[in-house]
Structure formats: C-alpha cells, structure tokens
C-alpha cells in the first residue's frame, strides 16, 4: 500500500494505517535523529514526538508532497528544537568552556566497527547545519531539491553545507565521507521495528 493510501486511511480513522507508516519510516527517522543528537534517549524522544505531531497534523498534510519529506520536515524541526534546548541547558549549567572541552564524550554505544564509532564522533564535531545536510544527503540519499523543501534552506546553501561538512569530516577522519563503507551510516544500536 502506498503512503498516500495509508494517509487516506489514517484520515478516515484507521489507526493501523498510521502504524504502518510508523513502521515504514521509524528506522530512518531514528537513525537521522541519533546522528543529529548523538544520544539514543534524545533520538527516541524526538522520533516519538515527530510521529505524534505528524499524526495530529495529518489532516493538514498536502498530498502533493511526499509523505517522507513531510515527516522529515517535522523530524528536522524537532531535532533543531532539541539541539536549541540542549544548548540552553548547557549554557545554564556549564559556563566554563574548559569544562566543556575536558568533559568525556558520551560513548557511542556498541559500535559495529571502528568506522562507525569514528564516524559518529566526527559527526558530533560538525556544525549542526552541516551535520543535518550531510545526513540528509548521504545517509538518507535525498536530492538537494528534497533537502531544500525539508529544511527551508536554499539548494546552494545546502550544497555549501555538504561541501564544508565533507571537508571537515575528511580532516577529522582522514578520508572522504563518500569513501566510507556502506554500513558506516548505520547507527550502532539502531532499533529494529
């Protein structure tokens, strides 16, 4: 069944139809949120909030848009909100820059290999806008036009974010982001549905 058909059934009151949409997109949403936020619990919270918001706003969904793009627009905004909130908490509780620099990084979890752990650490060091653009482009395989529709940023700005983010990753990892093995974009401990 297509996304459009599932949306129609959801609007008609069929909760199983929306459950199918959740099952279809949960892993991709979780992976994106995890790479954006770096914490499993935060990713889980943001994904759940995103699906809840999508369900509550399903009547306003425009069928001319792809459901995946619409859902990722909601998810991207929730990730941005979480990062902003985290930044406020960090500024409020940790005023000392030295403490921030010397604090141990959260462990990436049971990585499936050295590549995964290194990639996760490197992604965490990127500017959030660059990290978002790289994940949408390479982990989710979106075109710049789709990315633009999701983020509200222009295609040229997104291309520059991907370019600069790739350069930064290359410097951090010692190789090109595009050269990583195929499983490197998979998150360690990625939940299965």
N, C-alpha and C. Protein backbone atom coordinates (compact mmCIF):
# COMPACT_ATOMS: atom_id res chain seq x y z
N UNK A 1 0.85 -1.17 0.00
CA UNK A 1 0.00 0.00 0.00
C UNK A 1 0.90 1.24 0.00
N UNK A 2 0.54 2.24 -0.79
CA UNK A 2 1.36 3.45 -0.90
C UNK A 2 1.17 4.34 0.33
N UNK A 3 2.10 5.26 0.50
CA UNK A 3 1.98 6.23 1.59
C UNK A 3 0.69 7.02 1.46
N UNK A 4 0.36 7.43 0.23
CA UNK A 4 -0.85 8.23 0.00
C UNK A 4 -2.10 7.46 0.44
N UNK A 5 -2.15 6.17 0.12
CA UNK A 5 -3.30 5.36 0.52
C UNK A 5 -3.37 5.22 2.05
N UNK A 6 -2.22 5.07 2.67
CA UNK A 6 -2.18 4.96 4.13
C UNK A 6 -2.61 6.27 4.79
N UNK A 7 -2.24 7.40 4.20
CA UNK A 7 -2.67 8.69 4.74
C UNK A 7 -4.19 8.82 4.64
N UNK A 8 -4.76 8.43 3.50
CA UNK A 8 -6.22 8.49 3.33
C UNK A 8 -6.90 7.63 4.39
N UNK A 9 -6.38 6.42 4.61
CA UNK A 9 -6.98 5.53 5.61
C UNK A 9 -6.80 6.08 7.02
N UNK A 10 -5.65 6.72 7.28
CA UNK A 10 -5.44 7.33 8.60
C UNK A 10 -6.45 8.44 8.83
N UNK A 11 -6.64 9.27 7.82
CA UNK A 11 -7.62 10.36 7.94
C UNK A 11 -9.03 9.83 8.16
N UNK A 12 -9.30 8.64 7.64
CA UNK A 12 -10.63 8.03 7.80
C UNK A 12 -10.78 7.36 9.16
N UNK A 13 -9.71 7.41 9.98
CA UNK A 13 -9.81 6.87 11.33
C UNK A 13 -9.20 5.51 11.54
N UNK A 14 -8.43 5.02 10.60
CA UNK A 14 -7.80 3.70 10.72
C UNK A 14 -6.43 3.85 11.39
N UNK A 15 -6.32 3.54 12.69
CA UNK A 15 -5.03 3.70 13.38
C UNK A 15 -3.96 2.74 12.88
N UNK A 16 -4.37 1.58 12.36
CA UNK A 16 -3.39 0.63 11.83
C UNK A 16 -2.67 1.19 10.61
N UNK A 17 -3.34 2.04 9.85
CA UNK A 17 -2.71 2.64 8.67
C UNK A 17 -1.56 3.54 9.10
N UNK A 18 -1.77 4.33 10.14
CA UNK A 18 -0.68 5.18 10.60
C UNK A 18 0.43 4.32 11.22
N UNK A 19 0.06 3.25 11.88
CA UNK A 19 1.05 2.32 12.41
C UNK A 19 1.95 1.76 11.32
N UNK A 20 1.37 1.52 10.16
CA UNK A 20 2.16 1.04 9.02
C UNK A 20 3.15 2.11 8.57
N UNK A 21 2.71 3.37 8.56
CA UNK A 21 3.62 4.47 8.20
C UNK A 21 4.75 4.58 9.22
N UNK A 22 4.41 4.44 10.49
CA UNK A 22 5.44 4.48 11.54
C UNK A 22 6.45 3.36 11.32
N UNK A 23 5.97 2.15 11.08
CA UNK A 23 6.87 1.01 10.85
C UNK A 23 7.75 1.24 9.63
N UNK A 24 7.19 1.83 8.61
CA UNK A 24 7.91 2.06 7.36
C UNK A 24 9.06 3.06 7.54
N UNK A 25 8.86 4.08 8.37
CA UNK A 25 9.83 5.17 8.46
C UNK A 25 10.57 5.27 9.79
N UNK A 26 10.23 4.43 10.75
CA UNK A 26 10.81 4.56 12.08
C UNK A 26 12.34 4.49 12.06
N UNK A 27 12.91 3.46 11.46
CA UNK A 27 14.37 3.29 11.49
C UNK A 27 15.10 4.46 10.84
N UNK A 28 14.61 4.93 9.71
CA UNK A 28 15.26 6.07 9.04
C UNK A 28 15.18 7.32 9.92
N UNK A 29 14.03 7.52 10.55
CA UNK A 29 13.87 8.69 11.43
C UNK A 29 14.78 8.57 12.65
N UNK A 30 14.82 7.39 13.24
CA UNK A 30 15.66 7.20 14.42
C UNK A 30 17.14 7.40 14.08
N UNK A 31 17.56 6.84 12.96
CA UNK A 31 18.96 6.96 12.54
C UNK A 31 19.33 8.44 12.36
N UNK A 32 18.46 9.18 11.67
CA UNK A 32 18.72 10.60 11.44
C UNK A 32 18.78 11.35 12.77
N UNK A 33 17.81 11.12 13.64
CA UNK A 33 17.76 11.82 14.93
C UNK A 33 18.98 11.46 15.79
N UNK A 34 19.36 10.19 15.77
CA UNK A 34 20.52 9.76 16.56
C UNK A 34 21.79 10.47 16.08
N UNK A 35 21.97 10.53 14.78
CA UNK A 35 23.17 11.19 14.26
C UNK A 35 23.12 12.70 14.49
N UNK A 36 21.94 13.27 14.50
CA UNK A 36 21.83 14.71 14.77
C UNK A 36 22.08 15.02 16.24
N UNK A 37 21.57 14.18 17.14
CA UNK A 37 21.59 14.49 18.56
C UNK A 37 22.67 13.75 19.34
N UNK A 38 23.10 12.59 18.84
CA UNK A 38 24.18 11.87 19.48
C UNK A 38 23.80 11.07 20.72
N UNK A 39 22.56 11.05 21.09
CA UNK A 39 22.10 10.33 22.27
C UNK A 39 20.89 9.47 21.91
N UNK A 40 20.92 8.21 22.30
CA UNK A 40 19.80 7.31 21.98
C UNK A 40 18.48 7.80 22.57
N UNK A 41 18.51 8.18 23.85
CA UNK A 41 17.27 8.60 24.51
C UNK A 41 16.70 9.85 23.85
N UNK A 42 17.56 10.80 23.52
CA UNK A 42 17.10 12.02 22.85
C UNK A 42 16.52 11.69 21.49
N UNK A 43 17.17 10.79 20.76
CA UNK A 43 16.68 10.40 19.44
C UNK A 43 15.30 9.76 19.56
N UNK A 44 15.15 8.87 20.53
CA UNK A 44 13.87 8.21 20.74
C UNK A 44 12.77 9.23 21.05
N UNK A 45 13.07 10.16 21.95
CA UNK A 45 12.08 11.19 22.31
C UNK A 45 11.67 12.02 21.11
N UNK A 46 12.66 12.44 20.33
CA UNK A 46 12.39 13.30 19.17
C UNK A 46 11.58 12.54 18.11
N UNK A 47 11.91 11.29 17.89
CA UNK A 47 11.18 10.50 16.90
C UNK A 47 9.74 10.29 17.34
N UNK A 48 9.54 9.95 18.61
CA UNK A 48 8.17 9.78 19.10
C UNK A 48 7.37 11.08 18.99
N UNK A 49 7.99 12.18 19.37
CA UNK A 49 7.31 13.48 19.27
C UNK A 49 7.00 13.81 17.81
N UNK A 50 7.90 13.48 16.91
CA UNK A 50 7.68 13.75 15.49
C UNK A 50 6.51 12.94 14.94
N UNK A 51 6.44 11.66 15.29
CA UNK A 51 5.31 10.85 14.83
C UNK A 51 4.00 11.33 15.44
N UNK A 52 4.04 11.73 16.69
CA UNK A 52 2.83 12.27 17.32
C UNK A 52 2.37 13.53 16.60
N UNK A 53 3.30 14.43 16.34
CA UNK A 53 2.95 15.67 15.63
C UNK A 53 2.43 15.37 14.22
N UNK A 54 3.04 14.40 13.56
CA UNK A 54 2.57 14.03 12.22
C UNK A 54 1.14 13.50 12.29
N UNK A 55 0.88 12.66 13.26
CA UNK A 55 -0.47 12.09 13.40
C UNK A 55 -1.50 13.19 13.67
N UNK A 56 -1.15 14.10 14.57
CA UNK A 56 -2.08 15.17 14.91
C UNK A 56 -2.29 16.16 13.77
N UNK A 57 -1.31 16.26 12.88
CA UNK A 57 -1.39 17.21 11.76
C UNK A 57 -1.74 16.54 10.44
N UNK A 58 -2.09 15.28 10.45
CA UNK A 58 -2.31 14.53 9.21
C UNK A 58 -3.39 15.17 8.34
N UNK A 59 -4.35 15.84 8.95
CA UNK A 59 -5.41 16.50 8.18
C UNK A 59 -4.84 17.65 7.35
N UNK A 60 -3.74 18.23 7.79
CA UNK A 60 -3.13 19.36 7.07
C UNK A 60 -2.07 18.92 6.06
N UNK A 61 -1.78 17.63 6.01
CA UNK A 61 -0.79 17.11 5.06
C UNK A 61 -1.28 17.34 3.64
N UNK A 62 -0.41 17.88 2.81
CA UNK A 62 -0.73 18.15 1.40
C UNK A 62 -0.26 16.96 0.56
N UNK A 63 -1.20 16.30 -0.09
CA UNK A 63 -0.89 15.10 -0.86
C UNK A 63 0.08 15.34 -2.00
N UNK A 64 0.28 16.59 -2.39
CA UNK A 64 1.24 16.87 -3.46
C UNK A 64 2.67 16.67 -2.97
N UNK A 65 2.88 16.71 -1.67
CA UNK A 65 4.20 16.45 -1.09
C UNK A 65 4.36 14.96 -0.84
N UNK A 66 5.60 14.49 -0.86
CA UNK A 66 5.86 13.11 -0.46
C UNK A 66 5.71 13.03 1.05
N UNK A 67 5.08 11.97 1.53
CA UNK A 67 4.90 11.82 2.97
C UNK A 67 6.25 11.80 3.68
N UNK A 68 7.22 11.10 3.10
CA UNK A 68 8.55 11.01 3.72
C UNK A 68 9.16 12.40 3.91
N UNK A 69 9.06 13.24 2.90
CA UNK A 69 9.59 14.59 3.00
C UNK A 69 8.88 15.40 4.08
N UNK A 70 7.56 15.27 4.14
CA UNK A 70 6.77 15.98 5.13
C UNK A 70 7.15 15.51 6.54
N UNK A 71 7.28 14.20 6.72
CA UNK A 71 7.65 13.65 8.02
C UNK A 71 9.05 14.10 8.42
N UNK A 72 9.98 14.08 7.49
CA UNK A 72 11.35 14.50 7.81
C UNK A 72 11.43 16.00 8.09
N UNK A 73 10.55 16.77 7.51
CA UNK A 73 10.49 18.20 7.84
C UNK A 73 10.12 18.36 9.31
N UNK A 74 9.14 17.61 9.76
CA UNK A 74 8.74 17.63 11.17
C UNK A 74 9.90 17.16 12.04
N UNK A 75 10.52 16.05 11.66
CA UNK A 75 11.64 15.48 12.41
C UNK A 75 12.81 16.45 12.49
N UNK A 76 13.14 17.07 11.37
CA UNK A 76 14.25 18.02 11.35
C UNK A 76 13.99 19.17 12.31
N UNK A 77 12.78 19.69 12.30
CA UNK A 77 12.43 20.78 13.22
C UNK A 77 12.51 20.33 14.68
N UNK A 78 12.09 19.11 14.97
CA UNK A 78 12.17 18.60 16.33
C UNK A 78 13.63 18.42 16.76
N UNK A 79 14.48 17.97 15.85
CA UNK A 79 15.91 17.85 16.16
C UNK A 79 16.51 19.23 16.44
N UNK A 80 16.16 20.20 15.63
CA UNK A 80 16.66 21.56 15.85
C UNK A 80 16.20 22.08 17.21
N UNK A 81 14.94 21.85 17.54
CA UNK A 81 14.42 22.28 18.84
C UNK A 81 15.18 21.61 19.98
N UNK A 82 15.46 20.33 19.84
CA UNK A 82 16.19 19.60 20.88
C UNK A 82 17.61 20.14 21.02
N UNK A 83 18.25 20.44 19.90
CA UNK A 83 19.61 21.00 19.96
C UNK A 83 19.60 22.38 20.60
N UNK A 84 18.61 23.18 20.28
CA UNK A 84 18.50 24.51 20.88
C UNK A 84 18.27 24.40 22.38
N UNK A 85 17.37 23.51 22.77
CA UNK A 85 17.08 23.30 24.18
C UNK A 85 18.32 22.79 24.92
N UNK A 86 19.03 21.86 24.29
CA UNK A 86 20.25 21.33 24.89
C UNK A 86 21.29 22.44 25.04
N UNK A 87 21.38 23.32 24.05
CA UNK A 87 22.32 24.44 24.12
C UNK A 87 22.00 25.36 25.28
N UNK A 88 20.71 25.62 25.49
CA UNK A 88 20.31 26.46 26.62
C UNK A 88 20.68 25.80 27.94
N UNK A 89 20.42 24.50 28.04
CA UNK A 89 20.77 23.78 29.28
C UNK A 89 22.27 23.81 29.49
N UNK A 90 23.03 23.62 28.42
CA UNK A 90 24.48 23.61 28.53
C UNK A 90 24.98 24.97 29.00
N UNK A 91 24.46 26.04 28.41
CA UNK A 91 24.90 27.38 28.82
C UNK A 91 24.49 27.66 30.26
N UNK A 92 23.34 27.16 30.66
CA UNK A 92 22.86 27.44 32.01
C UNK A 92 23.65 26.69 33.06
N UNK A 93 24.00 25.44 32.79
CA UNK A 93 24.64 24.61 33.80
C UNK A 93 26.16 24.53 33.67
N UNK A 94 26.68 24.79 32.49
CA UNK A 94 28.12 24.70 32.28
C UNK A 94 28.61 26.00 31.65
N UNK A 95 29.06 26.88 32.48
CA UNK A 95 29.52 28.17 31.99
C UNK A 95 31.01 28.15 31.64
N UNK A 96 31.71 27.17 32.09
CA UNK A 96 33.15 27.11 31.91
C UNK A 96 33.51 26.38 30.62
N UNK A 97 34.09 27.09 29.66
CA UNK A 97 34.48 26.48 28.39
C UNK A 97 35.46 25.33 28.58
N UNK A 98 36.33 25.45 29.56
CA UNK A 98 37.31 24.39 29.79
C UNK A 98 36.61 23.11 30.22
N UNK A 99 35.58 23.24 31.04
CA UNK A 99 34.84 22.06 31.47
C UNK A 99 34.19 21.37 30.27
N UNK A 100 33.69 22.15 29.33
CA UNK A 100 33.09 21.56 28.14
C UNK A 100 34.13 20.81 27.31
N UNK A 101 35.32 21.39 27.20
CA UNK A 101 36.36 20.77 26.38
C UNK A 101 36.91 19.50 27.02
N UNK A 102 36.96 19.46 28.35
CA UNK A 102 37.57 18.32 29.02
C UNK A 102 36.57 17.25 29.43
N UNK A 103 35.28 17.55 29.31
CA UNK A 103 34.27 16.55 29.67
C UNK A 103 34.36 15.37 28.72
N UNK A 104 34.26 14.16 29.25
CA UNK A 104 34.33 13.00 28.36
C UNK A 104 33.11 12.95 27.45
N UNK A 105 33.35 12.53 26.23
CA UNK A 105 32.24 12.40 25.27
C UNK A 105 31.41 11.20 25.66
N UNK A 106 30.12 11.28 25.36
CA UNK A 106 29.24 10.15 25.62
C UNK A 106 29.68 8.99 24.73
N UNK A 107 29.73 7.80 25.27
CA UNK A 107 30.15 6.67 24.45
C UNK A 107 29.16 6.44 23.32
N UNK A 108 29.67 6.12 22.13
CA UNK A 108 28.78 5.93 21.00
C UNK A 108 27.95 4.66 21.10
N UNK A 109 28.23 3.81 22.04
CA UNK A 109 27.45 2.58 22.17
C UNK A 109 28.20 1.44 21.53
N UNK A 110 27.58 0.30 21.48
CA UNK A 110 28.26 -0.87 20.92
C UNK A 110 28.39 -0.74 19.41
N UNK A 111 29.45 -0.09 18.99
CA UNK A 111 29.66 0.16 17.56
C UNK A 111 29.85 -1.16 16.83
N UNK A 112 29.42 -1.17 15.59
CA UNK A 112 29.57 -2.37 14.77
C UNK A 112 30.97 -2.44 14.18
N UNK A 113 31.78 -1.44 14.42
CA UNK A 113 33.14 -1.43 13.92
C UNK A 113 33.79 -0.10 14.23
N UNK A 114 35.10 -0.04 14.04
CA UNK A 114 35.83 1.19 14.31
C UNK A 114 35.32 2.32 13.43
N UNK A 115 34.97 2.02 12.19
CA UNK A 115 34.48 3.04 11.27
C UNK A 115 33.25 3.74 11.83
N UNK A 116 32.32 2.96 12.37
CA UNK A 116 31.08 3.53 12.89
C UNK A 116 31.37 4.48 14.05
N UNK A 117 32.17 4.04 15.00
CA UNK A 117 32.47 4.87 16.16
C UNK A 117 33.20 6.14 15.74
N UNK A 118 34.15 6.02 14.83
CA UNK A 118 34.89 7.20 14.36
C UNK A 118 33.96 8.16 13.63
N UNK A 119 33.08 7.63 12.83
CA UNK A 119 32.14 8.47 12.09
C UNK A 119 31.20 9.20 13.04
N UNK A 120 30.70 8.49 14.03
CA UNK A 120 29.78 9.11 14.98
C UNK A 120 30.47 10.23 15.74
N UNK A 121 31.70 9.99 16.19
CA UNK A 121 32.45 11.03 16.89
C UNK A 121 32.69 12.23 15.98
N UNK A 122 33.06 11.97 14.74
CA UNK A 122 33.33 13.06 13.80
C UNK A 122 32.06 13.84 13.48
N UNK A 123 30.95 13.15 13.27
CA UNK A 123 29.68 13.85 13.01
C UNK A 123 29.31 14.75 14.18
N UNK A 124 29.58 14.28 15.39
CA UNK A 124 29.28 15.07 16.57
C UNK A 124 30.08 16.35 16.67
N UNK A 125 31.19 16.42 15.96
CA UNK A 125 32.04 17.61 16.00
C UNK A 125 31.67 18.64 14.93
N UNK A 126 30.75 18.28 14.04
CA UNK A 126 30.35 19.20 12.98
C UNK A 126 29.34 20.22 13.48
N UNK A 127 29.28 21.32 12.78
CA UNK A 127 28.23 22.30 13.00
C UNK A 127 26.90 21.59 12.73
N UNK A 128 25.86 21.83 13.55
CA UNK A 128 24.59 21.12 13.35
C UNK A 128 24.00 21.27 11.95
N UNK A 129 24.13 22.42 11.33
CA UNK A 129 23.59 22.62 9.98
C UNK A 129 24.34 21.76 8.97
N UNK A 130 25.65 21.64 9.12
CA UNK A 130 26.43 20.79 8.23
C UNK A 130 26.10 19.32 8.46
N UNK A 131 26.00 18.94 9.73
CA UNK A 131 25.65 17.55 10.06
C UNK A 131 24.30 17.19 9.46
N UNK A 132 23.32 18.07 9.63
CA UNK A 132 21.98 17.84 9.08
C UNK A 132 22.04 17.65 7.57
N UNK A 133 22.75 18.54 6.87
CA UNK A 133 22.83 18.46 5.41
C UNK A 133 23.53 17.17 4.96
N UNK A 134 24.62 16.81 5.62
CA UNK A 134 25.34 15.58 5.26
C UNK A 134 24.46 14.35 5.48
N UNK A 135 23.76 14.31 6.58
CA UNK A 135 22.91 13.15 6.87
C UNK A 135 21.77 13.03 5.87
N UNK A 136 21.16 14.16 5.54
CA UNK A 136 20.07 14.12 4.57
C UNK A 136 20.58 13.69 3.20
N UNK A 137 21.76 14.18 2.83
CA UNK A 137 22.31 13.87 1.50
C UNK A 137 22.82 12.43 1.42
N UNK A 138 23.66 12.02 2.36
CA UNK A 138 24.33 10.73 2.23
C UNK A 138 23.65 9.59 2.99
N UNK A 139 23.20 9.82 4.19
CA UNK A 139 22.57 8.74 4.95
C UNK A 139 21.15 8.46 4.45
N UNK A 140 20.43 9.53 4.08
CA UNK A 140 19.06 9.36 3.62
C UNK A 140 18.94 9.38 2.10
N UNK A 141 20.01 9.77 1.40
CA UNK A 141 20.03 9.72 -0.06
C UNK A 141 19.10 10.71 -0.75
N UNK A 142 18.88 11.85 -0.15
CA UNK A 142 17.96 12.83 -0.72
C UNK A 142 18.64 13.72 -1.74
N UNK A 143 17.86 14.22 -2.67
CA UNK A 143 18.33 15.21 -3.64
C UNK A 143 18.30 16.58 -2.96
N UNK A 144 19.07 17.52 -3.51
CA UNK A 144 19.10 18.85 -2.92
C UNK A 144 17.73 19.53 -2.93
N UNK A 145 16.93 19.27 -3.95
CA UNK A 145 15.60 19.87 -4.00
C UNK A 145 14.73 19.34 -2.85
N UNK A 146 14.84 18.05 -2.55
CA UNK A 146 14.09 17.48 -1.42
C UNK A 146 14.60 18.04 -0.10
N UNK A 147 15.91 18.16 0.01
CA UNK A 147 16.51 18.71 1.22
C UNK A 147 16.05 20.14 1.44
N UNK A 148 15.99 20.90 0.37
CA UNK A 148 15.55 22.29 0.46
C UNK A 148 14.11 22.39 0.94
N UNK A 149 13.26 21.52 0.40
CA UNK A 149 11.85 21.53 0.82
C UNK A 149 11.72 21.17 2.29
N UNK A 150 12.57 20.29 2.78
CA UNK A 150 12.51 19.87 4.19
C UNK A 150 13.03 20.91 5.14
N UNK A 151 14.15 21.52 4.77
CA UNK A 151 14.85 22.39 5.72
C UNK A 151 14.51 23.86 5.56
N UNK A 152 14.02 24.24 4.40
CA UNK A 152 13.76 25.66 4.15
C UNK A 152 15.00 26.40 3.67
N UNK A 153 16.13 25.73 3.61
CA UNK A 153 17.37 26.35 3.12
C UNK A 153 17.43 26.21 1.61
N UNK A 154 18.08 27.16 0.96
CA UNK A 154 18.24 27.10 -0.48
C UNK A 154 19.18 25.98 -0.89
N UNK A 155 19.03 25.52 -2.13
CA UNK A 155 19.88 24.43 -2.62
C UNK A 155 21.35 24.80 -2.60
N UNK A 156 21.68 26.04 -2.97
CA UNK A 156 23.09 26.43 -2.98
C UNK A 156 23.66 26.45 -1.56
N UNK A 157 22.86 26.87 -0.60
CA UNK A 157 23.31 26.86 0.80
C UNK A 157 23.54 25.42 1.27
N UNK A 158 22.64 24.53 0.87
CA UNK A 158 22.78 23.13 1.26
C UNK A 158 24.01 22.50 0.62
N UNK A 159 24.26 22.83 -0.64
CA UNK A 159 25.46 22.31 -1.32
C UNK A 159 26.72 22.78 -0.59
N UNK A 160 26.71 24.02 -0.15
CA UNK A 160 27.87 24.55 0.56
C UNK A 160 28.02 23.86 1.92
N UNK A 161 26.91 23.61 2.60
CA UNK A 161 26.97 22.90 3.89
C UNK A 161 27.52 21.49 3.71
N UNK A 162 27.07 20.81 2.66
CA UNK A 162 27.57 19.46 2.38
C UNK A 162 29.06 19.52 2.05
N UNK A 163 29.45 20.48 1.23
CA UNK A 163 30.87 20.62 0.85
C UNK A 163 31.73 20.89 2.08
N UNK A 164 31.33 21.87 2.88
CA UNK A 164 32.14 22.21 4.06
C UNK A 164 32.11 21.09 5.10
N UNK A 165 30.95 20.48 5.27
CA UNK A 165 30.86 19.35 6.20
C UNK A 165 31.72 18.18 5.75
N UNK A 166 31.72 17.91 4.44
CA UNK A 166 32.56 16.83 3.90
C UNK A 166 34.04 17.14 4.10
N UNK A 167 34.41 18.39 3.88
CA UNK A 167 35.81 18.79 4.09
C UNK A 167 36.21 18.61 5.55
N UNK A 168 35.32 19.00 6.44
CA UNK A 168 35.60 18.87 7.87
C UNK A 168 35.70 17.39 8.26
N UNK A 169 34.77 16.58 7.76
CA UNK A 169 34.84 15.14 8.03
C UNK A 169 36.12 14.53 7.48
N UNK A 170 36.49 14.95 6.28
CA UNK A 170 37.72 14.45 5.67
C UNK A 170 38.91 14.77 6.58
N UNK A 171 38.92 15.98 7.13
CA UNK A 171 40.01 16.37 8.02
C UNK A 171 39.97 15.55 9.32
N UNK A 172 38.78 15.31 9.83
CA UNK A 172 38.64 14.56 11.08
C UNK A 172 38.92 13.07 10.91
N UNK A 173 38.50 12.52 9.78
CA UNK A 173 38.61 11.08 9.56
C UNK A 173 39.80 10.68 8.70
N UNK A 174 40.36 11.62 7.99
CA UNK A 174 41.49 11.32 7.13
C UNK A 174 41.09 10.71 5.80
N UNK A 175 39.81 10.80 5.45
CA UNK A 175 39.34 10.28 4.16
C UNK A 175 38.00 10.93 3.84
N UNK A 176 37.53 10.68 2.67
CA UNK A 176 36.28 11.27 2.20
C UNK A 176 35.08 10.58 2.84
N UNK A 177 34.05 11.36 3.15
CA UNK A 177 32.80 10.82 3.70
C UNK A 177 32.19 9.82 2.73
N UNK A 178 32.30 10.10 1.44
CA UNK A 178 31.73 9.22 0.42
C UNK A 178 32.46 7.89 0.34
N UNK A 179 33.71 7.82 0.85
CA UNK A 179 34.51 6.61 0.77
C UNK A 179 34.26 5.64 1.92
N UNK A 180 33.41 6.00 2.86
CA UNK A 180 33.16 5.12 3.99
C UNK A 180 32.41 3.87 3.53
N UNK A 181 32.58 2.77 4.24
CA UNK A 181 31.86 1.55 3.86
C UNK A 181 30.36 1.77 3.98
N UNK A 182 29.55 0.99 3.23
CA UNK A 182 28.11 1.19 3.20
C UNK A 182 27.44 1.14 4.57
N UNK A 183 27.94 0.32 5.50
CA UNK A 183 27.29 0.22 6.80
C UNK A 183 27.68 1.34 7.74
N UNK A 184 28.55 2.24 7.32
CA UNK A 184 29.01 3.29 8.22
C UNK A 184 27.92 4.29 8.55
N UNK A 185 26.91 4.42 7.70
CA UNK A 185 25.85 5.36 8.01
C UNK A 185 24.80 4.75 8.92
N UNK A 186 24.93 3.46 9.20
CA UNK A 186 24.01 2.79 10.12
C UNK A 186 24.45 3.11 11.54
N UNK A 187 23.52 3.44 12.38
CA UNK A 187 23.82 3.79 13.76
C UNK A 187 24.05 2.55 14.60
N UNK A 188 25.03 2.61 15.50
CA UNK A 188 25.19 1.49 16.41
C UNK A 188 23.97 1.40 17.31
N UNK A 189 23.51 0.21 17.53
CA UNK A 189 22.36 0.03 18.40
C UNK A 189 21.06 0.51 17.79
N UNK A 190 21.04 0.68 16.46
CA UNK A 190 19.82 1.16 15.80
C UNK A 190 18.68 0.20 16.11
N UNK A 191 17.56 0.75 16.57
CA UNK A 191 16.46 -0.14 16.94
C UNK A 191 15.85 -0.80 15.72
N UNK A 192 15.28 -1.94 15.92
CA UNK A 192 14.57 -2.59 14.83
C UNK A 192 13.09 -2.57 15.16
N UNK A 193 12.30 -2.46 14.11
CA UNK A 193 10.85 -2.45 14.33
C UNK A 193 10.23 -3.67 13.72
